[in-house]
PDB file of N, CA and C in Angstrom:
ATOM      1  N   MET A   1       7.609 -61.779 -39.842  1.00  0.00           N
ATOM      2  CA  MET A   1       7.174 -62.203 -38.621  1.00  0.00           C
ATOM      3  C   MET A   1       8.218 -63.135 -37.658  1.00  0.00           C
ATOM      4  N   ARG A   2       9.078 -63.983 -38.509  1.00  0.00           N
ATOM      5  CA  ARG A   2      10.049 -64.522 -37.896  1.00  0.00           C
ATOM      6  C   ARG A   2      10.919 -63.634 -36.976  1.00  0.00           C
ATOM      7  N   ARG A   3      11.229 -62.319 -37.584  1.00  0.00           N
ATOM      8  CA  ARG A   3      11.903 -61.377 -36.636  1.00  0.00           C
ATOM      9  C   ARG A   3      11.637 -61.051 -35.457  1.00  0.00           C
ATOM     10  N   PHE A   4       9.838 -60.916 -35.391  1.00  0.00           N
ATOM     11  CA  PHE A   4       8.715 -60.519 -34.334  1.00  0.00           C
ATOM     12  C   PHE A   4       9.255 -61.387 -33.162  1.00  0.00           C
ATOM     13  N   GLN A   5       9.248 -63.094 -33.887  1.00  0.00           N
ATOM     14  CA  GLN A   5       9.356 -64.133 -32.553  1.00  0.00           C
ATOM     15  C   GLN A   5      10.561 -63.918 -31.875  1.00  0.00           C
ATOM     16  N   THR A   6      11.679 -63.756 -32.837  1.00  0.00           N
ATOM     17  CA  THR A   6      13.157 -63.684 -32.057  1.00  0.00           C
ATOM     18  C   THR A   6      12.969 -62.428 -31.256  1.00  0.00           C
ATOM     19  N   ILE A   7      12.614 -61.739 -31.297  1.00  0.00           N
ATOM     20  CA  ILE A   7      12.636 -60.443 -30.350  1.00  0.00           C
ATOM     21  C   ILE A   7      11.967 -60.852 -29.209  1.00  0.00           C
ATOM     22  N   ILE A   8      10.646 -61.892 -29.416  1.00  0.00           N
ATOM     23  CA  ILE A   8      10.233 -61.991 -27.994  1.00  0.00           C
ATOM     24  C   ILE A   8      10.471 -63.058 -27.556  1.00  0.00           C
ATOM     25  N   VAL A   9      11.397 -63.789 -27.935  1.00  0.00           N
ATOM     26  CA  VAL A   9      11.990 -64.851 -27.467  1.00  0.00           C
ATOM     27  C   VAL A   9      12.949 -64.193 -26.696  1.00  0.00           C
ATOM     28  N   VAL A  10      14.058 -63.207 -27.207  1.00  0.00           N
ATOM     29  CA  VAL A  10      15.174 -62.569 -26.624  1.00  0.00           C
ATOM     30  C   VAL A  10      14.790 -61.881 -25.234  1.00  0.00           C
ATOM     31  N   LEU A  11      13.392 -60.771 -25.460  1.00  0.00           N
ATOM     32  CA  LEU A  11      12.916 -60.466 -24.592  1.00  0.00           C
ATOM     33  C   LEU A  11      12.681 -61.285 -23.297  1.00  0.00           C
ATOM     34  N   CYS A  12      12.004 -62.377 -23.586  1.00  0.00           N
ATOM     35  CA  CYS A  12      11.585 -63.400 -22.114  1.00  0.00           C
ATOM     36  C   CYS A  12      12.942 -63.755 -21.973  1.00  0.00           C
ATOM     37  N   ALA A  13      13.888 -64.147 -22.636  1.00  0.00           N
ATOM     38  CA  ALA A  13      15.249 -64.754 -22.104  1.00  0.00           C
ATOM     39  C   ALA A  13      15.865 -63.550 -21.407  1.00  0.00           C
ATOM     40  N   VAL A  14      16.168 -62.709 -21.662  1.00  0.00           N
ATOM     41  CA  VAL A  14      16.671 -61.220 -20.858  1.00  0.00           C
ATOM     42  C   VAL A  14      15.766 -61.242 -19.466  1.00  0.00           C
ATOM     43  N   GLY A  15      14.483 -61.078 -19.603  1.00  0.00           N
ATOM     44  CA  GLY A  15      13.363 -60.932 -18.527  1.00  0.00           C
ATOM     45  C   GLY A  15      14.131 -61.902 -17.159  1.00  0.00           C
ATOM     46  N   ALA A  16      14.241 -63.351 -17.593  1.00  0.00           N
ATOM     47  CA  ALA A  16      14.150 -64.444 -16.706  1.00  0.00           C
ATOM     48  C   ALA A  16      15.566 -64.324 -16.370  1.00  0.00           C
ATOM     49  N   LEU A  17      16.510 -63.951 -16.886  1.00  0.00           N
ATOM     50  CA  LEU A  17      17.947 -63.531 -16.622  1.00  0.00           C
ATOM     51  C   LEU A  17      18.012 -62.596 -15.334  1.00  0.00           C
ATOM     52  N   ALA A  18      17.587 -61.540 -15.651  1.00  0.00           N
ATOM     53  CA  ALA A  18      17.121 -60.642 -14.656  1.00  0.00           C
ATOM     54  C   ALA A  18      16.174 -60.640 -13.718  1.00  0.00           C
ATOM     55  N   ALA A  19      15.636 -61.663 -13.328  1.00  0.00           N
ATOM     56  CA  ALA A  19      14.546 -61.992 -12.331  1.00  0.00           C
ATOM     57  C   ALA A  19      15.726 -62.981 -11.609  1.00  0.00           C
ATOM     58  N   GLN A  20      16.088 -63.565 -11.961  1.00  0.00           N
ATOM     59  CA  GLN A  20      16.929 -64.774 -11.018  1.00  0.00           C
ATOM     60  C   GLN A  20      18.503 -63.598 -10.699  1.00  0.00           C
ATOM     61  N   THR A  21      18.729 -62.737 -10.890  1.00  0.00           N
ATOM     62  CA  THR A  21      19.939 -62.023 -10.603  1.00  0.00           C
ATOM     63  C   THR A  21      19.175 -60.760  -9.588  1.00  0.00           C
ATOM     64  N   VAL A  22      18.366 -60.858  -9.520  1.00  0.00           N
ATOM     65  CA  VAL A  22      17.714 -59.662  -8.204  1.00  0.00           C
ATOM     66  C   VAL A  22      17.625 -60.573  -7.086  1.00  0.00           C
ATOM     67  N   PRO A  23      18.181 -60.053  -5.969  1.00  0.00           N
ATOM     68  CA  PRO A  23      18.135 -60.569  -4.610  1.00  0.00           C
ATOM     69  C   PRO A  23      16.999 -60.911  -4.085  1.00  0.00           C
ATOM     70  N   ARG A  24      16.511 -61.967  -3.333  1.00  0.00           N
ATOM     71  CA  ARG A  24      14.944 -62.134  -2.857  1.00  0.00           C
ATOM     72  C   ARG A  24      15.222 -61.876  -1.521  1.00  0.00           C
ATOM     73  N   PHE A  25      14.667 -60.696  -1.156  1.00  0.00           N
ATOM     74  CA  PHE A  25      15.113 -59.920   0.298  1.00  0.00           C
ATOM     75  C   PHE A  25      13.244 -60.827   1.271  1.00  0.00           C
ATOM     76  N   ALA A  26      12.573 -60.482   0.460  1.00  0.00           N
ATOM     77  CA  ALA A  26      10.970 -61.171   0.759  1.00  0.00           C
ATOM     78  C   ALA A  26      10.999 -62.466   1.623  1.00  0.00           C
ATOM     79  N   GLY A  27      10.581 -62.210   2.630  1.00  0.00           N
ATOM     80  CA  GLY A  27      10.289 -63.278   3.769  1.00  0.00           C
ATOM     81  C   GLY A  27      10.491 -62.720   5.194  1.00  0.00           C
ATOM     82  N   THR A  28      10.442 -63.802   6.351  1.00  0.00           N
ATOM     83  CA  THR A  28      10.449 -63.354   7.303  1.00  0.00           C
ATOM     84  C   THR A  28      11.908 -63.572   8.012  1.00  0.00           C
ATOM     85  N   TRP A  29      13.132 -63.078   8.245  1.00  0.00           N
ATOM     86  CA  TRP A  29      14.326 -63.089   8.630  1.00  0.00           C
ATOM     87  C   TRP A  29      14.478 -62.968  10.773  1.00  0.00           C
ATOM     88  N   GLN A  30      15.150 -63.853  10.932  1.00  0.00           N
ATOM     89  CA  GLN A  30      15.822 -63.811  12.387  1.00  0.00           C
ATOM     90  C   GLN A  30      16.808 -63.560  12.932  1.00  0.00           C
ATOM     91  N   GLY A  31      17.632 -63.475  13.865  1.00  0.00           N
ATOM     92  CA  GLY A  31      18.707 -63.248  14.330  1.00  0.00           C
ATOM     93  C   GLY A  31      18.903 -62.740  15.289  1.00  0.00           C
ATOM     94  N   GLU A  32      20.248 -62.169  15.858  1.00  0.00           N
ATOM     95  CA  GLU A  32      20.347 -61.574  17.640  1.00  0.00           C
ATOM     96  C   GLU A  32      21.476 -60.892  17.337  1.00  0.00           C
ATOM     97  N   THR A  33      21.516 -59.532  18.088  1.00  0.00           N
ATOM     98  CA  THR A  33      22.539 -58.443  18.027  1.00  0.00           C
ATOM     99  C   THR A  33      23.340 -58.963  18.878  1.00  0.00           C
ATOM    100  N   ALA A  34      24.513 -58.400  18.886  1.00  0.00           N
ATOM    101  CA  ALA A  34      25.890 -58.713  19.307  1.00  0.00           C
ATOM    102  C   ALA A  34      25.777 -58.670  20.921  1.00  0.00           C
ATOM    103  N   THR A  35      24.645 -58.165  21.463  1.00  0.00           N
ATOM    104  CA  THR A  35      24.450 -58.259  22.853  1.00  0.00           C
ATOM    105  C   THR A  35      23.366 -58.936  23.267  1.00  0.00           C
ATOM    106  N   GLY A  36      22.956 -60.279  22.149  1.00  0.00           N
ATOM    107  CA  GLY A  36      21.783 -61.366  22.449  1.00  0.00           C
ATOM    108  C   GLY A  36      20.335 -60.827  22.491  1.00  0.00           C
ATOM    109  N   ARG A  37      20.005 -59.718  21.799  1.00  0.00           N
ATOM    110  CA  ARG A  37      18.860 -59.306  21.708  1.00  0.00           C
ATOM    111  C   ARG A  37      18.179 -59.705  20.414  1.00  0.00           C
ATOM    112  N   HIS A  38      17.095 -60.417  20.752  1.00  0.00           N
ATOM    113  CA  HIS A  38      15.861 -61.405  19.293  1.00  0.00           C
ATOM    114  C   HIS A  38      15.512 -59.934  18.381  1.00  0.00           C
ATOM    115  N   ILE A  39      16.059 -60.564  17.243  1.00  0.00           N
ATOM    116  CA  ILE A  39      15.371 -59.320  16.284  1.00  0.00           C
ATOM    117  C   ILE A  39      14.891 -60.177  15.005  1.00  0.00           C
ATOM    118  N   VAL A  40      13.766 -59.764  14.608  1.00  0.00           N
ATOM    119  CA  VAL A  40      12.869 -60.429  13.574  1.00  0.00           C
ATOM    120  C   VAL A  40      12.388 -59.013  12.328  1.00  0.00           C
ATOM    121  N   LEU A  41      12.817 -59.786  11.304  1.00  0.00           N
ATOM    122  CA  LEU A  41      12.470 -58.598  10.144  1.00  0.00           C
ATOM    123  C   LEU A  41      11.899 -59.256   9.009  1.00  0.00           C
ATOM    124  N   ASN A  42      10.373 -58.801   9.167  1.00  0.00           N
ATOM    125  CA  ASN A  42       9.180 -59.463   7.970  1.00  0.00           C
ATOM    126  C   ASN A  42       9.529 -58.274   6.669  1.00  0.00           C
ATOM    127  N   LEU A  43       9.558 -58.921   5.666  1.00  0.00           N
ATOM    128  CA  LEU A  43       9.735 -57.861   4.588  1.00  0.00           C
ATOM    129  C   LEU A  43       8.561 -58.421   3.422  1.00  0.00           C
ATOM    130  N   ALA A  44       8.070 -57.400   2.785  1.00  0.00           N
ATOM    131  CA  ALA A  44       7.254 -58.087   1.519  1.00  0.00           C
ATOM    132  C   ALA A  44       7.827 -57.246   0.774  1.00  0.00           C
ATOM    133  N   VAL A  45       8.163 -57.488  -0.566  1.00  0.00           N
ATOM    134  CA  VAL A  45       8.443 -56.834  -1.741  1.00  0.00           C
ATOM    135  C   VAL A  45       7.354 -57.044  -2.995  1.00  0.00           C
ATOM    136  N   LYS A  46       7.337 -55.903  -3.300  1.00  0.00           N
ATOM    137  CA  LYS A  46       6.261 -55.628  -4.530  1.00  0.00           C
ATOM    138  C   LYS A  46       6.857 -54.812  -5.458  1.00  0.00           C
ATOM    139  N   PRO A  47       6.441 -54.687  -6.794  1.00  0.00           N
ATOM    140  CA  PRO A  47       7.601 -54.351  -7.945  1.00  0.00           C
ATOM    141  C   PRO A  47       7.834 -52.898  -7.690  1.00  0.00           C
ATOM    142  N   THR A  48       6.546 -51.828  -6.950  1.00  0.00           N
ATOM    143  CA  THR A  48       7.270 -50.564  -6.650  1.00  0.00           C
ATOM    144  C   THR A  48       7.228 -50.191  -5.085  1.00  0.00           C
ATOM    145  N   GLN A  49       7.364 -51.061  -4.144  1.00  0.00           N
ATOM    146  CA  GLN A  49       7.180 -50.871  -2.945  1.00  0.00           C
ATOM    147  C   GLN A  49       7.980 -52.102  -2.227  1.00  0.00           C
ATOM    148  N   VAL A  50       8.513 -51.696  -0.704  1.00  0.00           N
ATOM    149  CA  VAL A  50       8.926 -52.713   0.067  1.00  0.00           C
ATOM    150  C   VAL A  50       8.519 -52.334   1.217  1.00  0.00           C
ATOM    151  N   THR A  51       7.650 -53.053   2.213  1.00  0.00           N
ATOM    152  CA  THR A  51       7.156 -52.738   3.566  1.00  0.00           C
ATOM    153  C   THR A  51       7.469 -53.702   4.186  1.00  0.00           C
ATOM    154  N   GLY A  52       7.082 -53.904   5.443  1.00  0.00           N
ATOM    155  CA  GLY A  52       7.229 -54.635   6.689  1.00  0.00           C
ATOM    156  C   GLY A  52       7.554 -54.326   8.198  1.00  0.00           C
ATOM    157  N   THR A  53       7.856 -55.176   8.946  1.00  0.00           N
ATOM    158  CA  THR A  53       7.983 -54.736  10.067  1.00  0.00           C
ATOM    159  C   THR A  53       9.515 -55.345  10.759  1.00  0.00           C
ATOM    160  N   PHE A  54       9.883 -54.610  11.534  1.00  0.00           N
ATOM    161  CA  PHE A  54      11.142 -55.096  12.663  1.00  0.00           C
ATOM    162  C   PHE A  54      10.870 -54.977  13.897  1.00  0.00           C
ATOM    163  N   THR A  55      11.321 -56.314  14.784  1.00  0.00           N
ATOM    164  CA  THR A  55      10.854 -56.446  15.775  1.00  0.00           C
ATOM    165  C   THR A  55      12.307 -56.808  16.320  1.00  0.00           C
ATOM    166  N   LEU A  56      12.481 -55.726  18.024  1.00  0.00           N
ATOM    167  CA  LEU A  56      13.607 -55.695  18.356  1.00  0.00           C
ATOM    168  C   LEU A  56      13.087 -56.329  19.819  1.00  0.00           C
ATOM    169  N   VAL A  57      13.318 -57.602  20.629  1.00  0.00           N
ATOM    170  CA  VAL A  57      12.945 -58.140  21.498  1.00  0.00           C
ATOM    171  C   VAL A  57      11.505 -58.227  21.438  1.00  0.00           C
ATOM    172  N   GLU A  58      10.779 -57.430  22.051  1.00  0.00           N
ATOM    173  CA  GLU A  58       9.117 -57.774  21.888  1.00  0.00           C
ATOM    174  C   GLU A  58       8.707 -56.070  21.091  1.00  0.00           C
ATOM    175  N   GLN A  59       9.499 -55.438  20.893  1.00  0.00           N
ATOM    176  CA  GLN A  59       8.681 -53.844  20.136  1.00  0.00           C
ATOM    177  C   GLN A  59       8.928 -54.336  18.814  1.00  0.00           C
ATOM    178  N   THR A  60       7.710 -54.189  18.172  1.00  0.00           N
ATOM    179  CA  THR A  60       7.373 -54.115  16.715  1.00  0.00           C
ATOM    180  C   THR A  60       7.083 -52.900  16.143  1.00  0.00           C
ATOM    181  N   VAL A  61       7.925 -52.641  14.856  1.00  0.00           N
ATOM    182  CA  VAL A  61       7.631 -50.974  14.114  1.00  0.00           C
ATOM    183  C   VAL A  61       7.293 -51.471  12.857  1.00  0.00           C
ATOM    184  N   GLU A  62       6.617 -50.488  12.244  1.00  0.00           N
ATOM    185  CA  GLU A  62       6.573 -50.397  10.665  1.00  0.00           C
ATOM    186  C   GLU A  62       8.290 -49.970   9.971  1.00  0.00           C
ATOM    187  N   ILE A  63       8.552 -50.365   9.131  1.00  0.00           N
ATOM    188  CA  ILE A  63       9.621 -50.046   8.414  1.00  0.00           C
ATOM    189  C   ILE A  63       9.289 -48.821   7.740  1.00  0.00           C
ATOM    190  N   THR A  64      10.259 -47.820   7.621  1.00  0.00           N
ATOM    191  CA  THR A  64      10.098 -46.822   6.413  1.00  0.00           C
ATOM    192  C   THR A  64      11.077 -46.375   5.351  1.00  0.00           C
ATOM    193  N   ASN A  65      10.580 -45.800   4.479  1.00  0.00           N
ATOM    194  CA  ASN A  65      11.912 -45.414   3.701  1.00  0.00           C
ATOM    195  C   ASN A  65      12.328 -46.442   2.838  1.00  0.00           C
ATOM    196  N   ALA A  66      11.618 -47.612   2.928  1.00  0.00           N
ATOM    197  CA  ALA A  66      12.377 -49.177   2.280  1.00  0.00           C
ATOM    198  C   ALA A  66      12.682 -48.936   0.694  1.00  0.00           C
ATOM    199  N   LYS A  67      13.887 -49.286   0.090  1.00  0.00           N
ATOM    200  CA  LYS A  67      13.866 -49.100  -1.204  1.00  0.00           C
ATOM    201  C   LYS A  67      15.188 -50.427  -1.460  1.00  0.00           C
ATOM    202  N   ILE A  68      15.125 -51.337  -2.586  1.00  0.00           N
ATOM    203  CA  ILE A  68      15.811 -52.035  -2.941  1.00  0.00           C
ATOM    204  C   ILE A  68      16.803 -51.341  -4.320  1.00  0.00           C
ATOM    205  N   ASP A  69      18.158 -51.043  -3.878  1.00  0.00           N
ATOM    206  CA  ASP A  69      19.055 -50.494  -4.837  1.00  0.00           C
ATOM    207  C   ASP A  69      20.135 -51.565  -5.473  1.00  0.00           C
ATOM    208  N   GLY A  70      19.793 -52.524  -6.438  1.00  0.00           N
ATOM    209  CA  GLY A  70      20.856 -53.740  -7.125  1.00  0.00           C
ATOM    210  C   GLY A  70      20.779 -54.577  -5.478  1.00  0.00           C
ATOM    211  N   LYS A  71      21.661 -55.043  -4.928  1.00  0.00           N
ATOM    212  CA  LYS A  71      21.765 -56.167  -4.218  1.00  0.00           C
ATOM    213  C   LYS A  71      21.457 -55.755  -2.669  1.00  0.00           C
ATOM    214  N   VAL A  72      21.074 -53.919  -2.368  1.00  0.00           N
ATOM    215  CA  VAL A  72      21.171 -53.634  -1.091  1.00  0.00           C
ATOM    216  C   VAL A  72      19.918 -53.178  -0.803  1.00  0.00           C
ATOM    217  N   LEU A  73      19.414 -53.928   0.452  1.00  0.00           N
ATOM    218  CA  LEU A  73      17.980 -53.494   0.900  1.00  0.00           C
ATOM    219  C   LEU A  73      18.376 -52.226   1.878  1.00  0.00           C
ATOM    220  N   SER A  74      17.456 -51.105   2.036  1.00  0.00           N
ATOM    221  CA  SER A  74      17.837 -50.197   2.916  1.00  0.00           C
ATOM    222  C   SER A  74      16.389 -49.554   3.521  1.00  0.00           C
ATOM    223  N   PHE A  75      16.512 -49.217   4.664  1.00  0.00           N
ATOM    224  CA  PHE A  75      15.279 -48.622   5.321  1.00  0.00           C
ATOM    225  C   PHE A  75      15.635 -48.173   6.466  1.00  0.00           C
ATOM    226  N   LYS A  76      14.403 -47.503   7.430  1.00  0.00           N
ATOM    227  CA  LYS A  76      14.442 -47.263   8.704  1.00  0.00           C
ATOM    228  C   LYS A  76      13.502 -47.482   9.626  1.00  0.00           C
ATOM    229  N   VAL A  77      13.923 -47.617  11.052  1.00  0.00           N
ATOM    230  CA  VAL A  77      13.047 -48.072  11.901  1.00  0.00           C
ATOM    231  C   VAL A  77      13.018 -46.945  13.175  1.00  0.00           C
ATOM    232  N   ALA A  78      11.864 -47.144  13.702  1.00  0.00           N
ATOM    233  CA  ALA A  78      12.007 -45.968  14.724  1.00  0.00           C
ATOM    234  C   ALA A  78      11.659 -46.702  16.010  1.00  0.00           C
ATOM    235  N   LEU A  79      12.741 -46.897  16.804  1.00  0.00           N
ATOM    236  CA  LEU A  79      13.096 -47.406  18.128  1.00  0.00           C
ATOM    237  C   LEU A  79      14.136 -47.012  18.939  1.00  0.00           C
ATOM    238  N   GLU A  80      13.443 -46.906  20.250  1.00  0.00           N
ATOM    239  CA  GLU A  80      14.047 -46.726  21.097  1.00  0.00           C
ATOM    240  C   GLU A  80      14.822 -45.225  21.225  1.00  0.00           C
ATOM    241  N   GLY A  81      13.633 -44.419  20.510  1.00  0.00           N
ATOM    242  CA  GLY A  81      14.349 -42.565  20.341  1.00  0.00           C
ATOM    243  C   GLY A  81      14.961 -42.514  19.507  1.00  0.00           C
ATOM    244  N   ARG A  82      15.476 -43.833  18.463  1.00  0.00           N
ATOM    245  CA  ARG A  82      15.957 -43.303  17.411  1.00  0.00           C
ATOM    246  C   ARG A  82      15.339 -43.488  16.224  1.00  0.00           C
ATOM    247  N   THR A  83      15.823 -43.293  15.022  1.00  0.00           N
ATOM    248  CA  THR A  83      15.292 -43.411  13.660  1.00  0.00           C
ATOM    249  C   THR A  83      16.748 -43.945  12.618  1.00  0.00           C
ATOM    250  N   PRO A  84      17.525 -45.173  12.965  1.00  0.00           N
ATOM    251  CA  PRO A  84      18.820 -45.029  12.225  1.00  0.00           C
ATOM    252  C   PRO A  84      18.215 -45.750  11.034  1.00  0.00           C
ATOM    253  N   MET A  85      18.857 -45.199   9.838  1.00  0.00           N
ATOM    254  CA  MET A  85      19.242 -46.083   8.442  1.00  0.00           C
ATOM    255  C   MET A  85      19.694 -47.357   8.751  1.00  0.00           C
ATOM    256  N   ILE A  86      19.081 -48.424   8.339  1.00  0.00           N
ATOM    257  CA  ILE A  86      19.408 -49.982   7.936  1.00  0.00           C
ATOM    258  C   ILE A  86      19.849 -50.372   6.805  1.00  0.00           C
ATOM    259  N   ALA A  87      20.629 -50.886   6.428  1.00  0.00           N
ATOM    260  CA  ALA A  87      21.396 -51.528   4.784  1.00  0.00           C
ATOM    261  C   ALA A  87      21.714 -53.005   5.422  1.00  0.00           C
ATOM    262  N   GLY A  88      20.822 -53.639   4.314  1.00  0.00           N
ATOM    263  CA  GLY A  88      21.150 -55.319   4.073  1.00  0.00           C
ATOM    264  C   GLY A  88      21.574 -55.668   2.934  1.00  0.00           C
ATOM    265  N   GLU A  89      22.426 -56.625   3.258  1.00  0.00           N
ATOM    266  CA  GLU A  89      22.727 -57.286   1.974  1.00  0.00           C
ATOM    267  C   GLU A  89      23.010 -58.832   1.803  1.00  0.00           C
ATOM    268  N   LEU A  90      22.428 -59.355   0.969  1.00  0.00           N
ATOM    269  CA  LEU A  90      22.506 -60.899   1.106  1.00  0.00           C
ATOM    270  C   LEU A  90      23.815 -61.664   1.207  1.00  0.00           C
ATOM    271  N   VAL A  91      24.215 -62.068   1.930  1.00  0.00           N
ATOM    272  CA  VAL A  91      25.606 -63.005   2.152  1.00  0.00           C
ATOM    273  C   VAL A  91      25.146 -64.115   2.076  1.00  0.00           C
ATOM    274  N   GLY A  92      25.301 -65.241   1.143  1.00  0.00           N
ATOM    275  CA  GLY A  92      24.826 -66.561   1.100  1.00  0.00           C
ATOM    276  C   GLY A  92      23.594 -66.910   1.182  1.00  0.00           C
ATOM    277  N   GLU A  93      23.064 -67.196   2.524  1.00  0.00           N
ATOM    278  CA  GLU A  93      21.901 -67.601   3.016  1.00  0.00           C
ATOM    279  C   GLU A  93      21.881 -66.725   3.916  1.00  0.00           C
ATOM    280  N   GLN A  94      22.173 -65.696   4.431  1.00  0.00           N
ATOM    281  CA  GLN A  94      22.052 -64.828   5.269  1.00  0.00           C
ATOM    282  C   GLN A  94      21.886 -63.219   5.058  1.00  0.00           C
ATOM    283  N   LEU A  95      20.946 -62.677   6.020  1.00  0.00           N
ATOM    284  CA  LEU A  95      20.872 -61.106   5.517  1.00  0.00           C
ATOM    285  C   LEU A  95      21.678 -60.557   6.392  1.00  0.00           C
ATOM    286  N   LYS A  96      22.578 -59.676   5.708  1.00  0.00           N
ATOM    287  CA  LYS A  96      23.755 -59.122   6.773  1.00  0.00           C
ATOM    288  C   LYS A  96      23.317 -57.504   6.906  1.00  0.00           C
ATOM    289  N   LEU A  97      22.743 -57.118   8.161  1.00  0.00           N
ATOM    290  CA  LEU A  97      22.361 -55.753   8.701  1.00  0.00           C
ATOM    291  C   LEU A  97      23.342 -54.682   8.892  1.00  0.00           C
ATOM    292  N   VAL A  98      23.532 -53.893   8.705  1.00  0.00           N
ATOM    293  CA  VAL A  98      24.468 -52.814   9.146  1.00  0.00           C
ATOM    294  C   VAL A  98      23.373 -51.625   9.759  1.00  0.00           C
ATOM    295  N   VAL A  99      23.668 -51.483  10.783  1.00  0.00           N
ATOM    296  CA  VAL A  99      22.589 -50.461  11.449  1.00  0.00           C
ATOM    297  C   VAL A  99      23.375 -49.077  11.935  1.00  0.00           C
ATOM    298  N   GLU A 100      23.206 -47.660  11.155  1.00  0.00           N
ATOM    299  CA  GLU A 100      23.617 -46.599  11.616  1.00  0.00           C
ATOM    300  C   GLU A 100      23.810 -46.400  13.214  1.00  0.00           C
ATOM    301  N   GLY A 101      25.053 -45.960  13.225  1.00  0.00           N
ATOM    302  CA  GLY A 101      25.534 -45.680  14.757  1.00  0.00           C
ATOM    303  C   GLY A 101      25.613 -47.035  15.602  1.00  0.00           C
ATOM    304  N   VAL A 102      25.931 -47.834  14.937  1.00  0.00           N
ATOM    305  CA  VAL A 102      25.901 -49.874  15.712  1.00  0.00           C
ATOM    306  C   VAL A 102      27.453 -50.168  14.745  1.00  0.00           C
ATOM    307  N   SER A 103      28.228 -50.606  15.404  1.00  0.00           N
ATOM    308  CA  SER A 103      29.563 -50.904  15.330  1.00  0.00           C
ATOM    309  C   SER A 103      29.504 -52.483  14.726  1.00  0.00           C
ATOM    310  N   ASN A 104      28.765 -53.317  15.419  1.00  0.00           N
ATOM    311  CA  ASN A 104      28.994 -54.546  14.863  1.00  0.00           C
ATOM    312  C   ASN A 104      27.295 -55.067  13.820  1.00  0.00           C
ATOM    313  N   PRO A 105      27.866 -55.611  12.685  1.00  0.00           N
ATOM    314  CA  PRO A 105      26.624 -55.826  11.642  1.00  0.00           C
ATOM    315  C   PRO A 105      25.953 -56.930  12.566  1.00  0.00           C
ATOM    316  N   VAL A 106      24.642 -57.464  11.928  1.00  0.00           N
ATOM    317  CA  VAL A 106      23.837 -58.236  12.491  1.00  0.00           C
ATOM    318  C   VAL A 106      23.690 -59.199  11.421  1.00  0.00           C
ATOM    319  N   LEU A 107      23.478 -60.707  11.672  1.00  0.00           N
ATOM    320  CA  LEU A 107      23.341 -61.606  10.733  1.00  0.00           C
ATOM    321  C   LEU A 107      22.005 -62.139  10.995  1.00  0.00           C
ATOM    322  N   LEU A 108      21.202 -62.297   9.836  1.00  0.00           N
ATOM    323  CA  LEU A 108      19.858 -63.023   9.934  1.00  0.00           C
ATOM    324  C   LEU A 108      19.720 -63.925   9.470  1.00  0.00           C
ATOM    325  N   SER A 109      18.877 -65.174   9.501  1.00  0.00           N
ATOM    326  CA  SER A 109      18.934 -66.260   8.577  1.00  0.00           C
ATOM    327  C   SER A 109      17.391 -66.355   8.528  1.00  0.00           C
ATOM    328  N   ARG A 110      17.096 -66.502   7.167  1.00  0.00           N
ATOM    329  CA  ARG A 110      15.316 -66.465   6.667  1.00  0.00           C
ATOM    330  C   ARG A 110      14.676 -67.762   7.423  1.00  0.00           C
ATOM    331  N   VAL A 111      13.834 -67.734   7.804  1.00  0.00           N
ATOM    332  CA  VAL A 111      12.973 -68.451   8.523  1.00  0.00           C
ATOM    333  C   VAL A 111      11.970 -69.469   7.405  1.00  0.00           C
ATOM    334  N   LYS A 112      12.042 -70.925   7.653  1.00  0.00           N
ATOM    335  CA  LYS A 112      11.809 -71.563   6.696  1.00  0.00           C
ATOM    336  C   LYS A 112      10.492 -71.998   7.193  1.00  0.00           C
TER     337      LYS A 112
END
């Protein structure tokens, strides 16, 4: 019985530690492109899926092919005749987005 209790305590501790190390992408993020265009990213993260919307100026689309791999979030959006892959990584309190085909990364801040 004592061994079983020890195993349970260790598993709980490992689970708690793992939960703390997983980046927190869920929520609303906003920022601007290098050319001053307003971006809003709304993300919902569930154990088996990532969903959300991406707004560029006033055009809002659903994100597709979204996934989290370690500390990197990736997804696609269909905007302005393109469907680029976007990769995001938490950098301090910001989400740094790198958009396929765009040279400048975009920094988004969490909306509180």
